[in-house]
Amino acid sequence: MKTITDPMKTDNAVAAELGVRLYRQMVRIRLFEEQVNELYTRALMPGLAHLYIGEEAVAVGICEALKNTDYVTSTHRGHGHCLAKGATPDRMFAELLGKEAGYCRGKGGSMHIADPATGNLGANAIVGGSAGIATGAALTRETIEDRSCGGLFFWRGRAGAGRAL
């Protein structure tokens, strides 16, 4: 998706700018996750932390193709999805640390972050638990004739478990 409209730029320049932007977003997610790991291993945050390290390109690539009005559902490894969809690190950290300033007022923790304002319908600690949420959201969007798109992130082990996708 081209987001640069300067007619003087060549396709190579546009591609280079896109590549740099995507790379920076991946690095931003990686640095966030490394800090989460530091907090978790030092027992400075409550609950568990399932890191997204090594998967940054998935979230960044998919969310780059989505519009602000599009939505995603996530997994227990949802930090990268949240950040790629537009969440801010300060509110993410507040959530992980159980602070009122977090996206879910500190009640969701690492595995249950949601931010409807950025199109993030939430993460779910149950393997494949977001499939039902994504299906309901898609049905709602179809019913109200909203042409936005949705994305369901899920782990490959989910494909053969429980409800069929």
N, C-alpha and C. Protein backbone atom coordinates (compact mmCIF):
# COMPACT_ATOMS: atom_id res chain seq x y z
N MET A 1 0.85 -1.16 0.00
CA MET A 1 0.00 0.00 0.00
C MET A 1 0.89 1.22 0.00
N LYS A 2 0.77 2.07 -1.00
CA LYS A 2 1.56 3.30 -1.06
C LYS A 2 0.87 4.37 -0.22
N THR A 3 1.63 4.95 0.67
CA THR A 3 1.08 6.02 1.49
C THR A 3 1.73 7.35 1.17
N ILE A 4 2.70 7.35 0.27
CA ILE A 4 3.40 8.56 -0.12
C ILE A 4 2.84 9.01 -1.46
N THR A 5 2.43 10.26 -1.56
CA THR A 5 1.78 10.72 -2.78
C THR A 5 2.58 11.77 -3.53
N ASP A 6 3.81 12.00 -3.16
CA ASP A 6 4.65 12.99 -3.83
C ASP A 6 4.96 12.50 -5.24
N PRO A 7 4.43 13.16 -6.29
CA PRO A 7 4.63 12.68 -7.66
C PRO A 7 6.09 12.76 -8.12
N MET A 8 6.92 13.51 -7.43
CA MET A 8 8.32 13.65 -7.81
C MET A 8 9.17 12.46 -7.37
N LYS A 9 8.65 11.64 -6.49
CA LYS A 9 9.42 10.51 -5.99
C LYS A 9 9.30 9.33 -6.94
N THR A 10 10.39 8.65 -7.11
CA THR A 10 10.38 7.47 -7.97
C THR A 10 9.82 6.30 -7.18
N ASP A 11 9.48 5.24 -7.90
CA ASP A 11 9.00 4.04 -7.23
C ASP A 11 10.05 3.49 -6.27
N ASN A 12 11.32 3.59 -6.64
CA ASN A 12 12.39 3.12 -5.77
C ASN A 12 12.45 3.91 -4.47
N ALA A 13 12.27 5.22 -4.56
CA ALA A 13 12.29 6.06 -3.36
C ALA A 13 11.10 5.74 -2.47
N VAL A 14 9.94 5.53 -3.08
CA VAL A 14 8.75 5.18 -2.32
C VAL A 14 8.95 3.84 -1.62
N ALA A 15 9.47 2.86 -2.35
CA ALA A 15 9.73 1.54 -1.77
C ALA A 15 10.75 1.62 -0.64
N ALA A 16 11.76 2.43 -0.81
CA ALA A 16 12.79 2.59 0.23
C ALA A 16 12.18 3.21 1.49
N GLU A 17 11.36 4.24 1.32
CA GLU A 17 10.71 4.87 2.48
C GLU A 17 9.79 3.89 3.19
N LEU A 18 9.05 3.11 2.42
CA LEU A 18 8.17 2.10 3.01
C LEU A 18 9.00 1.07 3.77
N GLY A 19 10.07 0.61 3.17
CA GLY A 19 10.93 -0.37 3.83
C GLY A 19 11.51 0.15 5.13
N VAL A 20 11.94 1.40 5.14
CA VAL A 20 12.49 1.99 6.36
C VAL A 20 11.40 2.10 7.43
N ARG A 21 10.21 2.54 7.03
CA ARG A 21 9.10 2.67 7.99
C ARG A 21 8.73 1.32 8.60
N LEU A 22 8.65 0.29 7.76
CA LEU A 22 8.31 -1.04 8.26
C LEU A 22 9.41 -1.58 9.18
N TYR A 23 10.66 -1.36 8.79
CA TYR A 23 11.78 -1.81 9.61
C TYR A 23 11.76 -1.11 10.98
N ARG A 24 11.53 0.19 10.98
CA ARG A 24 11.48 0.92 12.25
C ARG A 24 10.36 0.41 13.14
N GLN A 25 9.23 0.09 12.55
CA GLN A 25 8.11 -0.45 13.32
C GLN A 25 8.48 -1.81 13.91
N MET A 26 9.16 -2.65 13.14
CA MET A 26 9.59 -3.95 13.67
C MET A 26 10.58 -3.77 14.81
N VAL A 27 11.52 -2.84 14.67
CA VAL A 27 12.49 -2.58 15.73
C VAL A 27 11.79 -2.04 16.97
N ARG A 28 10.82 -1.18 16.76
CA ARG A 28 10.05 -0.63 17.89
C ARG A 28 9.37 -1.74 18.67
N ILE A 29 8.77 -2.69 17.97
CA ILE A 29 8.13 -3.83 18.64
C ILE A 29 9.17 -4.68 19.36
N ARG A 30 10.31 -4.94 18.70
CA ARG A 30 11.35 -5.75 19.32
C ARG A 30 11.86 -5.11 20.61
N LEU A 31 12.12 -3.80 20.57
CA LEU A 31 12.62 -3.11 21.76
C LEU A 31 11.58 -3.12 22.89
N PHE A 32 10.33 -2.97 22.51
CA PHE A 32 9.25 -3.05 23.51
C PHE A 32 9.26 -4.42 24.17
N GLU A 33 9.33 -5.46 23.37
CA GLU A 33 9.31 -6.83 23.89
C GLU A 33 10.53 -7.13 24.75
N GLU A 34 11.67 -6.61 24.37
CA GLU A 34 12.87 -6.81 25.19
C GLU A 34 12.70 -6.15 26.55
N GLN A 35 12.07 -4.98 26.57
CA GLN A 35 11.82 -4.31 27.85
C GLN A 35 10.79 -5.08 28.68
N VAL A 36 9.77 -5.63 28.03
CA VAL A 36 8.79 -6.46 28.73
C VAL A 36 9.50 -7.66 29.36
N ASN A 37 10.38 -8.29 28.60
CA ASN A 37 11.11 -9.44 29.12
C ASN A 37 11.94 -9.04 30.34
N GLU A 38 12.56 -7.89 30.27
CA GLU A 38 13.35 -7.40 31.40
C GLU A 38 12.47 -7.20 32.64
N LEU A 39 11.33 -6.56 32.46
CA LEU A 39 10.41 -6.35 33.59
C LEU A 39 9.91 -7.68 34.16
N TYR A 40 9.59 -8.60 33.26
CA TYR A 40 9.05 -9.89 33.69
C TYR A 40 10.10 -10.72 34.44
N THR A 41 11.29 -10.83 33.87
CA THR A 41 12.32 -11.66 34.50
C THR A 41 12.81 -11.06 35.82
N ARG A 42 12.64 -9.77 36.01
CA ARG A 42 13.00 -9.14 37.28
C ARG A 42 11.81 -9.10 38.24
N ALA A 43 10.71 -9.75 37.86
CA ALA A 43 9.49 -9.83 38.68
C ALA A 43 8.92 -8.46 39.02
N LEU A 44 8.99 -7.53 38.05
CA LEU A 44 8.47 -6.18 38.25
C LEU A 44 7.10 -5.97 37.65
N MET A 45 6.56 -6.99 36.98
CA MET A 45 5.21 -6.88 36.43
C MET A 45 4.40 -8.09 36.86
N PRO A 46 3.13 -7.88 37.13
CA PRO A 46 2.29 -9.00 37.55
C PRO A 46 1.92 -9.90 36.36
N GLY A 47 1.56 -11.11 36.65
CA GLY A 47 1.07 -12.02 35.61
C GLY A 47 2.18 -12.57 34.74
N LEU A 48 1.77 -13.05 33.59
CA LEU A 48 2.68 -13.68 32.63
C LEU A 48 3.00 -12.74 31.48
N ALA A 49 4.03 -13.09 30.74
CA ALA A 49 4.38 -12.33 29.54
C ALA A 49 4.76 -13.32 28.44
N HIS A 50 3.95 -13.38 27.42
CA HIS A 50 4.24 -14.20 26.25
C HIS A 50 4.75 -13.25 25.17
N LEU A 51 6.02 -13.34 24.88
CA LEU A 51 6.67 -12.36 24.00
C LEU A 51 6.39 -12.63 22.52
N TYR A 52 6.53 -11.58 21.72
CA TYR A 52 6.30 -11.62 20.28
C TYR A 52 7.62 -11.53 19.52
N ILE A 53 8.73 -11.74 20.21
CA ILE A 53 10.05 -11.64 19.60
C ILE A 53 10.19 -12.68 18.49
N GLY A 54 10.63 -12.21 17.33
CA GLY A 54 10.81 -13.08 16.17
C GLY A 54 9.61 -13.11 15.24
N GLU A 55 8.52 -12.48 15.64
CA GLU A 55 7.30 -12.48 14.84
C GLU A 55 6.90 -11.08 14.39
N GLU A 56 7.76 -10.11 14.62
CA GLU A 56 7.43 -8.70 14.38
C GLU A 56 6.96 -8.43 12.94
N ALA A 57 7.58 -9.08 11.97
CA ALA A 57 7.24 -8.83 10.57
C ALA A 57 5.81 -9.22 10.24
N VAL A 58 5.28 -10.22 10.92
CA VAL A 58 3.90 -10.65 10.67
C VAL A 58 2.93 -9.52 11.00
N ALA A 59 3.02 -9.01 12.22
CA ALA A 59 2.12 -7.94 12.65
C ALA A 59 2.30 -6.68 11.82
N VAL A 60 3.55 -6.31 11.58
CA VAL A 60 3.82 -5.07 10.83
C VAL A 60 3.31 -5.19 9.40
N GLY A 61 3.58 -6.31 8.75
CA GLY A 61 3.15 -6.50 7.37
C GLY A 61 1.64 -6.50 7.22
N ILE A 62 0.96 -7.23 8.09
CA ILE A 62 -0.50 -7.29 8.00
C ILE A 62 -1.13 -5.94 8.34
N CYS A 63 -0.68 -5.33 9.41
CA CYS A 63 -1.29 -4.06 9.83
C CYS A 63 -0.98 -2.92 8.86
N GLU A 64 0.11 -3.02 8.12
CA GLU A 64 0.41 -2.01 7.09
C GLU A 64 -0.67 -2.03 6.00
N ALA A 65 -1.20 -3.20 5.72
CA ALA A 65 -2.22 -3.32 4.68
C ALA A 65 -3.61 -2.91 5.15
N LEU A 66 -3.79 -2.80 6.45
CA LEU A 66 -5.10 -2.45 7.00
C LEU A 66 -5.27 -0.94 7.11
N LYS A 67 -6.52 -0.50 7.09
CA LYS A 67 -6.84 0.91 7.32
C LYS A 67 -7.09 1.11 8.81
N ASN A 68 -7.14 2.36 9.23
CA ASN A 68 -7.43 2.65 10.64
C ASN A 68 -8.79 2.11 11.07
N THR A 69 -9.73 2.05 10.16
CA THR A 69 -11.08 1.57 10.49
C THR A 69 -11.18 0.05 10.49
N ASP A 70 -10.17 -0.63 10.01
CA ASP A 70 -10.16 -2.09 10.02
C ASP A 70 -9.82 -2.58 11.43
N TYR A 71 -10.12 -3.82 11.70
CA TYR A 71 -9.92 -4.33 13.04
C TYR A 71 -9.11 -5.61 13.03
N VAL A 72 -8.58 -5.95 14.19
CA VAL A 72 -7.87 -7.22 14.37
C VAL A 72 -8.30 -7.83 15.71
N THR A 73 -8.18 -9.14 15.79
CA THR A 73 -8.23 -9.85 17.06
C THR A 73 -6.88 -10.53 17.22
N SER A 74 -6.52 -10.81 18.44
CA SER A 74 -5.16 -11.22 18.70
C SER A 74 -5.09 -12.50 19.52
N THR A 75 -3.88 -12.85 19.91
CA THR A 75 -3.61 -14.06 20.67
C THR A 75 -2.97 -13.69 22.00
N HIS A 76 -2.53 -14.72 22.72
CA HIS A 76 -1.82 -14.48 23.97
C HIS A 76 -0.47 -13.81 23.73
N ARG A 77 0.01 -13.78 22.50
CA ARG A 77 1.23 -13.06 22.14
C ARG A 77 0.85 -11.82 21.33
N GLY A 78 0.08 -10.95 21.93
CA GLY A 78 -0.53 -9.85 21.19
C GLY A 78 0.15 -8.50 21.24
N HIS A 79 1.26 -8.38 21.96
CA HIS A 79 1.89 -7.05 22.08
C HIS A 79 2.23 -6.47 20.71
N GLY A 80 2.82 -7.28 19.84
CA GLY A 80 3.21 -6.80 18.51
C GLY A 80 2.01 -6.38 17.69
N HIS A 81 0.91 -7.11 17.80
CA HIS A 81 -0.31 -6.76 17.08
C HIS A 81 -0.82 -5.40 17.55
N CYS A 82 -0.83 -5.21 18.86
CA CYS A 82 -1.30 -3.93 19.42
C CYS A 82 -0.47 -2.76 18.91
N LEU A 83 0.84 -2.90 19.01
CA LEU A 83 1.72 -1.82 18.58
C LEU A 83 1.63 -1.56 17.09
N ALA A 84 1.57 -2.62 16.29
CA ALA A 84 1.50 -2.46 14.84
C ALA A 84 0.17 -1.82 14.42
N LYS A 85 -0.87 -2.03 15.19
CA LYS A 85 -2.18 -1.47 14.86
C LYS A 85 -2.34 -0.04 15.36
N GLY A 86 -1.37 0.44 16.16
CA GLY A 86 -1.42 1.85 16.55
C GLY A 86 -1.40 2.13 18.04
N ALA A 87 -1.29 1.12 18.87
CA ALA A 87 -1.22 1.34 20.31
C ALA A 87 0.08 2.07 20.65
N THR A 88 0.06 2.81 21.75
CA THR A 88 1.25 3.53 22.18
C THR A 88 1.97 2.74 23.27
N PRO A 89 3.29 2.74 23.23
CA PRO A 89 4.06 1.97 24.23
C PRO A 89 3.78 2.39 25.67
N ASP A 90 3.57 3.67 25.92
CA ASP A 90 3.36 4.09 27.31
C ASP A 90 2.07 3.50 27.88
N ARG A 91 1.01 3.50 27.12
CA ARG A 91 -0.24 2.90 27.61
C ARG A 91 -0.15 1.38 27.66
N MET A 92 0.62 0.80 26.75
CA MET A 92 0.85 -0.66 26.80
C MET A 92 1.58 -1.03 28.08
N PHE A 93 2.67 -0.30 28.39
CA PHE A 93 3.41 -0.59 29.62
C PHE A 93 2.54 -0.37 30.84
N ALA A 94 1.72 0.68 30.82
CA ALA A 94 0.82 0.92 31.94
C ALA A 94 -0.10 -0.28 32.14
N GLU A 95 -0.61 -0.82 31.06
CA GLU A 95 -1.47 -1.99 31.16
C GLU A 95 -0.72 -3.19 31.73
N LEU A 96 0.46 -3.44 31.21
CA LEU A 96 1.25 -4.58 31.67
C LEU A 96 1.61 -4.46 33.15
N LEU A 97 1.75 -3.25 33.63
CA LEU A 97 2.12 -3.02 35.03
C LEU A 97 0.91 -2.85 35.94
N GLY A 98 -0.29 -3.04 35.38
CA GLY A 98 -1.51 -2.98 36.18
C GLY A 98 -1.92 -1.57 36.58
N LYS A 99 -1.56 -0.59 35.78
CA LYS A 99 -1.84 0.81 36.09
C LYS A 99 -3.14 1.27 35.44
N GLU A 100 -3.80 2.18 36.08
CA GLU A 100 -5.06 2.75 35.60
C GLU A 100 -4.93 3.36 34.20
N ALA A 101 -3.77 3.89 33.86
CA ALA A 101 -3.56 4.54 32.56
C ALA A 101 -3.47 3.55 31.41
N GLY A 102 -3.51 2.25 31.69
CA GLY A 102 -3.43 1.25 30.64
C GLY A 102 -4.68 1.18 29.79
N TYR A 103 -4.60 0.48 28.68
CA TYR A 103 -5.72 0.38 27.75
C TYR A 103 -6.97 -0.22 28.37
N CYS A 104 -6.79 -1.12 29.31
CA CYS A 104 -7.93 -1.76 29.99
C CYS A 104 -7.93 -1.40 31.47
N ARG A 105 -7.42 -0.21 31.76
CA ARG A 105 -7.35 0.31 33.12
C ARG A 105 -6.52 -0.59 34.03
N GLY A 106 -5.55 -1.28 33.45
CA GLY A 106 -4.65 -2.12 34.21
C GLY A 106 -5.21 -3.48 34.56
N LYS A 107 -6.40 -3.79 34.06
CA LYS A 107 -7.06 -5.05 34.41
C LYS A 107 -6.78 -6.19 33.41
N GLY A 108 -6.35 -5.85 32.20
CA GLY A 108 -6.16 -6.88 31.18
C GLY A 108 -4.81 -7.55 31.21
N GLY A 109 -3.80 -6.82 31.63
CA GLY A 109 -2.46 -7.39 31.67
C GLY A 109 -1.94 -7.70 30.28
N SER A 110 -0.97 -8.58 30.23
CA SER A 110 -0.27 -8.89 28.99
C SER A 110 -1.14 -9.58 27.95
N MET A 111 -2.02 -10.46 28.37
CA MET A 111 -2.74 -11.29 27.40
C MET A 111 -4.14 -10.82 27.06
N HIS A 112 -4.57 -9.69 27.58
CA HIS A 112 -5.95 -9.26 27.33
C HIS A 112 -6.05 -7.79 26.96
N ILE A 113 -5.07 -7.27 26.25
CA ILE A 113 -5.08 -5.86 25.87
C ILE A 113 -6.03 -5.66 24.69
N ALA A 114 -6.86 -4.65 24.79
CA ALA A 114 -7.78 -4.29 23.71
C ALA A 114 -7.79 -2.76 23.58
N ASP A 115 -7.97 -2.29 22.38
CA ASP A 115 -8.09 -0.85 22.13
C ASP A 115 -8.99 -0.63 20.92
N PRO A 116 -10.29 -0.59 21.13
CA PRO A 116 -11.21 -0.40 20.01
C PRO A 116 -10.92 0.85 19.19
N ALA A 117 -10.33 1.88 19.80
CA ALA A 117 -10.04 3.12 19.07
C ALA A 117 -9.05 2.88 17.93
N THR A 118 -8.15 1.92 18.07
CA THR A 118 -7.20 1.61 17.00
C THR A 118 -7.63 0.38 16.20
N GLY A 119 -8.80 -0.16 16.50
CA GLY A 119 -9.28 -1.33 15.77
C GLY A 119 -8.81 -2.64 16.35
N ASN A 120 -8.27 -2.62 17.57
CA ASN A 120 -7.81 -3.85 18.22
C ASN A 120 -8.93 -4.33 19.13
N LEU A 121 -9.61 -5.40 18.73
CA LEU A 121 -10.73 -5.92 19.50
C LEU A 121 -10.29 -6.75 20.68
N GLY A 122 -9.01 -7.00 20.79
CA GLY A 122 -8.50 -7.65 21.99
C GLY A 122 -7.74 -8.92 21.73
N ALA A 123 -6.96 -9.25 22.73
CA ALA A 123 -6.21 -10.50 22.73
C ALA A 123 -6.94 -11.48 23.64
N ASN A 124 -6.60 -12.75 23.48
CA ASN A 124 -7.28 -13.78 24.24
C ASN A 124 -6.27 -14.83 24.66
N ALA A 125 -6.28 -15.22 25.92
CA ALA A 125 -5.34 -16.20 26.43
C ALA A 125 -5.71 -17.63 26.01
N ILE A 126 -6.92 -17.84 25.53
CA ILE A 126 -7.35 -19.17 25.09
C ILE A 126 -6.89 -19.36 23.66
N VAL A 127 -6.21 -20.47 23.39
CA VAL A 127 -5.72 -20.74 22.04
C VAL A 127 -6.92 -20.77 21.09
N GLY A 128 -6.92 -19.86 20.14
CA GLY A 128 -8.00 -19.78 19.17
C GLY A 128 -9.24 -19.06 19.68
N GLY A 129 -9.18 -18.53 20.88
CA GLY A 129 -10.36 -17.88 21.46
C GLY A 129 -10.83 -16.65 20.71
N SER A 130 -9.95 -16.06 19.94
CA SER A 130 -10.31 -14.85 19.21
C SER A 130 -11.11 -15.15 17.94
N ALA A 131 -11.15 -16.41 17.52
CA ALA A 131 -11.88 -16.75 16.29
C ALA A 131 -13.35 -16.38 16.39
N GLY A 132 -13.95 -16.65 17.53
CA GLY A 132 -15.36 -16.29 17.72
C GLY A 132 -15.58 -14.80 17.75
N ILE A 133 -14.64 -14.07 18.36
CA ILE A 133 -14.73 -12.61 18.40
C ILE A 133 -14.63 -12.04 16.98
N ALA A 134 -13.69 -12.56 16.21
CA ALA A 134 -13.51 -12.08 14.84
C ALA A 134 -14.74 -12.40 13.99
N THR A 135 -15.31 -13.57 14.18
CA THR A 135 -16.50 -13.95 13.43
C THR A 135 -17.67 -13.04 13.76
N GLY A 136 -17.87 -12.77 15.04
CA GLY A 136 -18.95 -11.88 15.46
C GLY A 136 -18.76 -10.47 14.93
N ALA A 137 -17.51 -10.00 14.97
CA ALA A 137 -17.22 -8.66 14.45
C ALA A 137 -17.48 -8.60 12.95
N ALA A 138 -17.09 -9.64 12.23
CA ALA A 138 -17.31 -9.66 10.78
C ALA A 138 -18.81 -9.68 10.47
N LEU A 139 -19.57 -10.46 11.21
CA LEU A 139 -21.02 -10.51 10.99
C LEU A 139 -21.65 -9.14 11.28
N THR A 140 -21.20 -8.50 12.34
CA THR A 140 -21.70 -7.17 12.66
C THR A 140 -21.39 -6.19 11.54
N ARG A 141 -20.15 -6.21 11.07
CA ARG A 141 -19.77 -5.30 9.99
C ARG A 141 -20.59 -5.56 8.73
N GLU A 142 -20.84 -6.83 8.43
CA GLU A 142 -21.64 -7.16 7.25
C GLU A 142 -23.08 -6.71 7.43
N THR A 143 -23.62 -6.89 8.62
CA THR A 143 -25.01 -6.52 8.90
C THR A 143 -25.24 -5.02 8.74
N ILE A 144 -24.28 -4.22 9.17
CA ILE A 144 -24.44 -2.77 9.06
C ILE A 144 -23.84 -2.23 7.76
N GLU A 145 -23.47 -3.15 6.88
CA GLU A 145 -22.92 -2.81 5.56
C GLU A 145 -21.69 -1.92 5.66
N ASP A 146 -20.84 -2.23 6.60
CA ASP A 146 -19.56 -1.55 6.77
C ASP A 146 -18.54 -2.30 5.93
N ARG A 147 -17.84 -1.64 5.05
CA ARG A 147 -16.92 -2.30 4.13
C ARG A 147 -15.51 -2.46 4.68
N SER A 148 -15.33 -2.27 5.98
CA SER A 148 -13.99 -2.42 6.53
C SER A 148 -13.59 -3.89 6.59
N CYS A 149 -12.35 -4.12 6.88
CA CYS A 149 -11.76 -5.44 6.85
C CYS A 149 -11.38 -5.86 8.26
N GLY A 150 -11.19 -7.12 8.45
CA GLY A 150 -10.74 -7.62 9.75
C GLY A 150 -9.60 -8.59 9.59
N GLY A 151 -8.81 -8.71 10.64
CA GLY A 151 -7.71 -9.65 10.65
C GLY A 151 -7.74 -10.47 11.91
N LEU A 152 -7.52 -11.77 11.77
CA LEU A 152 -7.48 -12.69 12.90
C LEU A 152 -6.08 -13.25 12.97
N PHE A 153 -5.35 -12.91 14.01
CA PHE A 153 -4.04 -13.50 14.23
C PHE A 153 -4.25 -14.75 15.06
N PHE A 154 -3.64 -15.85 14.66
CA PHE A 154 -3.70 -17.04 15.48
C PHE A 154 -2.47 -17.89 15.25
N TRP A 155 -2.17 -18.68 16.21
CA TRP A 155 -1.00 -19.54 16.22
C TRP A 155 -1.27 -20.77 15.37
N ARG A 156 -0.26 -21.28 14.70
CA ARG A 156 -0.46 -22.42 13.79
C ARG A 156 -1.05 -23.63 14.50
N GLY A 157 -0.77 -23.79 15.79
CA GLY A 157 -1.32 -24.92 16.54
C GLY A 157 -2.83 -24.81 16.69
N ARG A 158 -3.38 -23.65 16.46
CA ARG A 158 -4.81 -23.41 16.57
C ARG A 158 -5.60 -24.07 15.46
N ALA A 159 -4.98 -24.25 14.32
CA ALA A 159 -5.70 -24.71 13.14
C ALA A 159 -6.39 -26.05 13.35
N GLY A 160 -5.86 -26.91 14.18
CA GLY A 160 -6.47 -28.22 14.39
C GLY A 160 -7.15 -28.39 15.73
N ALA A 161 -7.40 -27.30 16.45
CA ALA A 161 -7.96 -27.41 17.78
C ALA A 161 -9.32 -26.74 17.87
N GLY A 162 -10.24 -27.37 18.57
CA GLY A 162 -11.51 -26.74 18.88
C GLY A 162 -12.34 -26.38 17.67
N ARG A 163 -12.95 -25.20 17.74
CA ARG A 163 -13.81 -24.73 16.65
C ARG A 163 -13.03 -24.63 15.35
N ALA A 164 -13.69 -24.91 14.28
CA ALA A 164 -13.07 -24.76 12.95
C ALA A 164 -13.07 -23.30 12.56
N LEU A 165 -12.03 -22.90 11.87
CA LEU A 165 -11.97 -21.50 11.42
C LEU A 165 -12.79 -21.32 10.18
